[in-house]
Amino acid sequence: MGKKTKVAIAIAAAGAAAWAGSKAISKPQKREDKEALQYEHPIILAHRGGSLIAPENSMAAFKKAAELGVHGFEIDIRLTKDEEIVVFHDEYVDRTTDGAGRIADMTLPELKTFDLGYQFINEQQEYEFRGQGETIITLRELFEEFPQMLINIDMKDSPETYEGSLIPSKLWRLIEELSAQNRVVVTSFYDEQIDRFNLYAQNTVALGAGENEVRKAYSAYTSQFGHLYHPRADVVQIPVKSGVFPLDGEGFINFLTKLNVPVHYWTINDPQVMERLLKSGAKGIVTDRPDLAITLLADRLA
């Protein structure tokens, strides 16, 4: 036996021993149940209220989605100049309103002057919501309008900005004031923002996974050391693919489900893809077409 072969065998043996040792000392730790995530059947979350059926993040969209029977909304929030939390995705208002400028540079009264329905075009290529009174809304308004609805909240402001430094604490205070702890999921692409929020919430609110947490989960799943992964999120919300990595495999879904971490997929507008994901074990679909998703789910449950 050559020297290189002996070295290779020794390395393999050491690796096997490390794996066996880690299995002996580390057991998978399931996440504790969160009331917001207790549901018998998969759920449908209207993405920004359903941005293909009405202006995104508008009260009209949320009302339409609620009438269709969705289980909740997936929304984004930002902080205004006067430190109000508004339901809005972009950093700037230009794409979805008749105004221009940065959310963080304007007060709520200033933002309320813009027509949130101005840019929306329906399937008939009509601007049906222009001049219909749709304005940027606050998170408080959404909470109060839909007191029973599950709301998935994505903090968009970067933790490096002034707005980002404030929004985790302000969000927690609003949730606590309205006793909404059991009907929200709080998340962000920035894991740091989720951690900051949880300093206040102390695990009383369901947390979504940030980008780094999703990366850790997928790396654990594809390695031999999945048993070392201890999730720091209560739900994972992901696209079907990240770069070249497929995230929609049944094995990955089952890996997280066994840890009591349901998987939701965004933004899914094709009923065939919805059906495939649900068959694979997905517990939630985030969609711009809640009308199609609700119909599909009803057919599945019939």
Protein backbone atom coordinates (compact mmCIF):
# COMPACT_ATOMS: atom_id res chain seq x y z
CA MET A 1 0.00 0.00 0.00
CA GLY A 2 1.46 3.34 -1.05
CA LYS A 3 1.94 6.34 1.18
CA LYS A 4 -0.75 8.37 -0.63
CA THR A 5 -3.26 5.56 -0.25
CA LYS A 6 -2.53 5.30 3.45
CA VAL A 7 -3.00 9.06 3.88
CA ALA A 8 -6.30 8.96 1.97
CA ILE A 9 -7.56 6.09 4.12
CA ALA A 10 -6.53 7.92 7.28
CA ILE A 11 -8.35 11.07 6.19
CA ALA A 12 -11.47 9.11 5.30
CA ALA A 13 -11.36 7.31 8.63
CA ALA A 14 -10.95 10.60 10.48
CA GLY A 15 -13.88 12.07 8.59
CA ALA A 16 -16.06 9.07 9.36
CA ALA A 17 -15.08 9.25 13.01
CA ALA A 18 -15.91 12.96 13.14
CA TRP A 19 -19.28 12.32 11.51
CA ALA A 20 -20.08 9.47 13.91
CA GLY A 21 -18.98 11.52 16.89
CA SER A 22 -21.10 14.48 15.85
CA LYS A 23 -24.12 12.19 15.42
CA ALA A 24 -23.63 10.94 18.96
CA ILE A 25 -23.42 14.35 20.60
CA SER A 26 -25.75 16.43 18.44
CA LYS A 27 -29.44 15.68 17.92
CA PRO A 28 -31.77 17.62 15.63
CA GLN A 29 -33.61 20.34 17.53
CA LYS A 30 -37.08 21.13 16.28
CA ARG A 31 -38.38 24.67 16.44
CA GLU A 32 -41.10 25.25 18.99
CA ASP A 33 -44.62 25.74 17.65
CA LYS A 34 -45.75 29.28 16.85
CA GLU A 35 -49.47 29.96 16.81
CA ALA A 36 -49.26 31.98 13.59
CA LEU A 37 -48.00 28.88 11.78
CA GLN A 38 -50.55 26.39 13.05
CA TYR A 39 -52.78 25.45 10.13
CA GLU A 40 -54.14 22.15 8.91
CA HIS A 41 -53.79 22.72 5.16
CA PRO A 42 -51.31 24.68 3.03
CA ILE A 43 -51.94 28.41 3.00
CA ILE A 44 -52.11 31.09 0.34
CA LEU A 45 -50.46 34.45 1.00
CA ALA A 46 -51.30 37.31 -1.36
CA HIS A 47 -48.00 38.88 -2.45
CA ARG A 48 -48.29 42.61 -1.77
CA GLY A 49 -52.02 42.00 -1.68
CA GLY A 50 -52.00 40.34 -5.11
CA SER A 51 -50.11 42.71 -7.37
CA LEU A 52 -51.56 41.30 -10.59
CA ILE A 53 -55.18 41.83 -9.54
CA ALA A 54 -54.89 45.36 -8.08
CA PRO A 55 -52.20 47.95 -7.32
CA GLU A 56 -49.56 46.35 -5.11
CA ASN A 57 -49.74 47.11 -1.39
CA SER A 58 -52.98 49.04 -1.87
CA MET A 59 -56.05 48.69 0.30
CA ALA A 60 -57.94 47.68 -2.85
CA ALA A 61 -55.58 44.74 -3.38
CA PHE A 62 -55.80 43.57 0.22
CA LYS A 63 -59.59 43.77 0.20
CA LYS A 64 -59.82 41.83 -3.07
CA ALA A 65 -57.49 39.14 -1.75
CA ALA A 66 -59.43 38.87 1.51
CA GLU A 67 -62.69 38.47 -0.41
CA LEU A 68 -61.11 35.65 -2.40
CA GLY A 69 -60.39 33.84 0.86
CA VAL A 70 -56.61 34.04 1.22
CA HIS A 71 -55.12 33.09 4.57
CA GLY A 72 -52.92 36.15 4.75
CA PHE A 73 -50.77 38.77 3.08
CA GLU A 74 -47.07 38.93 2.31
CA ILE A 75 -45.98 42.55 2.60
CA ASP A 76 -42.93 44.80 2.79
CA ILE A 77 -42.45 47.71 5.15
CA ARG A 78 -40.33 50.85 5.20
CA LEU A 79 -39.91 53.81 7.55
CA THR A 80 -40.86 57.35 6.53
CA LYS A 81 -39.10 60.58 7.38
CA ASP A 82 -41.51 61.13 10.29
CA GLU A 83 -40.86 57.53 11.43
CA GLU A 84 -44.15 55.96 10.39
CA ILE A 85 -44.16 52.37 9.15
CA VAL A 86 -45.68 52.15 5.67
CA VAL A 87 -46.55 49.13 3.55
CA PHE A 88 -44.29 49.59 0.55
CA HIS A 89 -41.71 47.54 -1.32
CA ASP A 90 -39.47 49.92 -3.25
CA GLU A 91 -37.06 52.45 -1.83
CA TYR A 92 -38.58 55.02 -4.17
CA VAL A 93 -42.23 55.76 -5.01
CA ASP A 94 -41.63 56.30 -8.73
CA ARG A 95 -42.53 52.83 -10.09
CA THR A 96 -45.97 52.48 -8.50
CA THR A 97 -47.29 56.03 -7.99
CA ASP A 98 -47.58 59.36 -9.81
CA GLY A 99 -44.90 60.80 -7.54
CA ALA A 100 -41.14 60.68 -7.30
CA GLY A 101 -38.69 60.39 -4.45
CA ARG A 102 -37.44 58.23 -1.65
CA ILE A 103 -39.78 56.93 1.04
CA ALA A 104 -37.31 57.78 3.80
CA ASP A 105 -37.10 61.40 2.63
CA MET A 106 -40.83 62.09 2.87
CA THR A 107 -43.38 62.32 5.66
CA LEU A 108 -46.52 60.23 5.76
CA PRO A 109 -48.78 63.21 4.83
CA GLU A 110 -46.55 63.84 1.81
CA LEU A 111 -46.69 60.21 0.76
CA LYS A 112 -50.47 60.14 1.15
CA THR A 113 -50.78 62.73 -1.66
CA PHE A 114 -49.56 60.26 -4.27
CA ASP A 115 -51.91 58.11 -6.36
CA LEU A 116 -50.99 54.50 -5.61
CA GLY A 117 -53.22 53.27 -8.42
CA TYR A 118 -51.68 55.48 -11.08
CA GLN A 119 -49.30 52.98 -12.71
CA PHE A 120 -51.38 49.80 -12.42
CA ILE A 121 -52.52 48.25 -15.71
CA ASN A 122 -55.10 45.47 -15.67
CA GLU A 123 -55.38 42.50 -18.06
CA GLN A 124 -57.41 44.63 -20.46
CA GLN A 125 -54.52 47.14 -20.56
CA GLU A 126 -56.62 49.73 -18.69
CA TYR A 127 -55.60 52.10 -15.89
CA GLU A 128 -58.69 51.23 -13.89
CA PHE A 129 -57.37 52.45 -10.52
CA ARG A 130 -56.14 55.90 -11.53
CA GLY A 131 -57.87 58.61 -9.54
CA GLN A 132 -59.73 56.09 -7.39
CA GLY A 133 -58.29 57.28 -4.10
CA GLU A 134 -55.74 54.54 -3.51
CA THR A 135 -52.94 55.86 -1.31
CA ILE A 136 -49.91 54.46 0.49
CA ILE A 137 -51.10 52.86 3.73
CA THR A 138 -49.50 52.35 7.10
CA LEU A 139 -48.96 49.00 8.72
CA ARG A 140 -51.27 50.12 11.50
CA GLU A 141 -54.06 50.70 8.98
CA LEU A 142 -53.56 47.21 7.55
CA PHE A 143 -53.59 45.60 10.99
CA GLU A 144 -56.76 47.43 11.98
CA GLU A 145 -58.57 46.74 8.69
CA PHE A 146 -57.87 42.99 8.85
CA PRO A 147 -57.71 42.03 12.55
CA GLN A 148 -57.85 38.26 11.92
CA MET A 149 -55.52 38.00 8.92
CA LEU A 150 -52.04 36.46 9.01
CA ILE A 151 -49.54 39.08 7.91
CA ASN A 152 -46.04 38.17 6.77
CA ILE A 153 -43.86 41.26 7.22
CA ASP A 154 -40.57 41.81 5.40
CA MET A 155 -38.41 44.64 6.77
CA LYS A 156 -36.85 46.22 3.66
CA ASP A 157 -34.67 48.99 5.12
CA SER A 158 -31.01 48.02 5.37
CA PRO A 159 -29.66 47.75 8.94
CA GLU A 160 -26.91 50.18 7.92
CA THR A 161 -29.38 53.02 7.36
CA TYR A 162 -31.00 55.27 9.95
CA GLU A 163 -34.41 53.87 9.03
CA GLY A 164 -33.13 50.33 9.29
CA SER A 165 -31.71 50.95 12.74
CA LEU A 166 -35.13 52.02 14.01
CA ILE A 167 -37.61 49.77 12.27
CA PRO A 168 -37.10 46.55 14.30
CA SER A 169 -37.97 48.27 17.57
CA LYS A 170 -40.81 50.32 16.05
CA LEU A 171 -42.29 47.23 14.46
CA TRP A 172 -42.17 45.35 17.75
CA ARG A 173 -43.87 48.20 19.62
CA LEU A 174 -46.71 48.28 17.09
CA ILE A 175 -47.18 44.50 17.20
CA GLU A 176 -47.17 44.57 20.99
CA GLU A 177 -49.58 47.52 21.16
CA LEU A 178 -52.07 45.76 18.89
CA SER A 179 -51.54 42.33 20.49
CA ALA A 180 -50.72 40.92 17.06
CA GLN A 181 -47.93 38.56 18.16
CA ASN A 182 -49.84 35.43 17.14
CA ARG A 183 -50.84 36.54 13.64
CA VAL A 184 -47.59 37.77 12.15
CA VAL A 185 -44.40 36.42 10.67
CA VAL A 186 -41.48 38.85 10.74
CA THR A 187 -38.60 38.47 8.35
CA SER A 188 -36.03 40.28 6.23
CA PHE A 189 -33.36 39.50 3.67
CA TYR A 190 -31.01 40.86 6.31
CA ASP A 191 -30.49 38.29 9.06
CA GLU A 192 -29.23 41.12 11.27
CA GLN A 193 -32.63 42.82 11.13
CA ILE A 194 -34.40 39.64 12.20
CA ASP A 195 -31.98 39.27 15.12
CA ARG A 196 -32.54 42.89 16.14
CA PHE A 197 -36.29 42.45 16.05
CA ASN A 198 -36.07 39.29 18.14
CA LEU A 199 -34.11 41.12 20.82
CA TYR A 200 -37.44 42.81 21.55
CA ALA A 201 -39.82 39.97 20.66
CA GLN A 202 -37.88 37.29 22.57
CA ASN A 203 -39.19 34.43 20.40
CA THR A 204 -42.85 35.38 20.98
CA VAL A 205 -43.30 36.05 17.24
CA ALA A 206 -42.81 33.66 14.32
CA LEU A 207 -39.60 34.49 12.48
CA GLY A 208 -38.81 33.98 8.81
CA ALA A 209 -35.35 33.04 7.57
CA GLY A 210 -32.95 35.63 6.21
CA GLU A 211 -30.61 34.94 3.30
CA ASN A 212 -27.79 33.61 5.46
CA GLU A 213 -30.11 31.29 7.36
CA VAL A 214 -31.47 29.84 4.12
CA ARG A 215 -27.90 29.32 2.93
CA LYS A 216 -27.01 27.50 6.14
CA ALA A 217 -30.08 25.27 5.90
CA TYR A 218 -29.36 24.29 2.31
CA SER A 219 -25.68 23.67 3.03
CA ALA A 220 -26.62 21.46 5.98
CA TYR A 221 -29.10 19.53 3.87
CA THR A 222 -26.61 18.85 1.08
CA SER A 223 -23.83 17.81 3.48
CA GLN A 224 -23.45 14.77 5.72
CA PHE A 225 -23.83 17.00 8.75
CA GLY A 226 -27.50 17.93 8.49
CA HIS A 227 -27.92 16.73 12.07
CA LEU A 228 -25.76 19.66 13.19
CA TYR A 229 -28.18 22.22 11.78
CA HIS A 230 -30.31 23.92 14.42
CA PRO A 231 -32.78 26.28 12.74
CA ARG A 232 -33.03 29.87 13.94
CA ALA A 233 -36.22 30.53 11.97
CA ASP A 234 -39.79 29.29 12.32
CA VAL A 235 -40.56 29.33 8.59
CA VAL A 236 -38.47 29.41 5.42
CA GLN A 237 -39.76 31.48 2.51
CA ILE A 238 -37.80 30.97 -0.67
CA PRO A 239 -37.92 31.01 -4.47
CA VAL A 240 -37.79 27.71 -6.34
CA LYS A 241 -34.20 28.45 -7.31
CA SER A 242 -31.31 30.56 -6.06
CA GLY A 243 -28.68 31.00 -8.74
CA VAL A 244 -27.87 27.47 -9.92
CA PHE A 245 -29.18 25.84 -6.75
CA PRO A 246 -32.68 24.32 -6.84
CA LEU A 247 -34.57 24.94 -3.61
CA ASP A 248 -37.79 23.15 -4.50
CA GLY A 249 -36.76 19.53 -4.03
CA GLU A 250 -38.94 17.27 -1.92
CA GLY A 251 -35.90 16.19 0.09
CA PHE A 252 -35.05 19.75 1.14
CA ILE A 253 -38.68 20.46 2.03
CA ASN A 254 -38.85 17.31 4.15
CA PHE A 255 -35.53 18.13 5.82
CA LEU A 256 -36.96 21.42 7.10
CA THR A 257 -40.44 20.07 7.80
CA LYS A 258 -38.98 17.45 10.17
CA LEU A 259 -37.46 20.34 12.11
CA ASN A 260 -40.92 21.93 12.42
CA VAL A 261 -39.96 24.61 9.88
CA PRO A 262 -42.61 24.86 7.13
CA VAL A 263 -41.51 25.98 3.67
CA HIS A 264 -43.31 28.69 1.68
CA TYR A 265 -42.46 29.56 -1.94
CA TRP A 266 -42.53 32.93 -3.68
CA THR A 267 -43.56 34.38 -6.03
CA ILE A 268 -45.58 31.58 -7.67
CA ASN A 269 -48.17 32.60 -10.26
CA ASP A 270 -48.35 29.45 -12.39
CA PRO A 271 -50.97 26.95 -11.12
CA GLN A 272 -48.92 24.00 -12.40
CA VAL A 273 -45.92 25.09 -10.36
CA MET A 274 -48.17 25.66 -7.34
CA GLU A 275 -49.52 22.13 -7.67
CA ARG A 276 -46.04 20.63 -7.98
CA LEU A 277 -44.77 22.47 -4.91
CA LEU A 278 -47.77 21.49 -2.82
CA LYS A 279 -47.33 17.86 -3.84
CA SER A 280 -43.69 18.09 -2.71
CA GLY A 281 -44.75 19.24 0.73
CA ALA A 282 -44.75 23.05 0.57
CA LYS A 283 -46.92 24.54 3.32
CA GLY A 284 -47.48 27.92 1.71
CA ILE A 285 -47.68 29.68 -1.65
CA VAL A 286 -46.95 33.40 -1.96
CA THR A 287 -48.56 34.68 -5.14
CA ASP A 288 -49.55 37.71 -7.19
CA ARG A 289 -52.56 35.70 -8.39
CA PRO A 290 -54.46 34.73 -5.26
CA ASP A 291 -57.52 34.10 -7.44
CA LEU A 292 -55.77 31.23 -9.22
CA ALA A 293 -54.15 29.91 -6.05
CA ILE A 294 -57.38 29.82 -4.04
CA THR A 295 -59.16 27.98 -6.86
CA LEU A 296 -56.37 25.40 -7.06
CA LEU A 297 -56.33 24.88 -3.30
CA ALA A 298 -60.11 24.48 -3.20
CA ASP A 299 -59.90 21.82 -5.91
CA ARG A 300 -57.22 19.97 -3.97
CA LEU A 301 -59.31 19.95 -0.83
CA ALA A 302 -62.59 19.03 -2.56
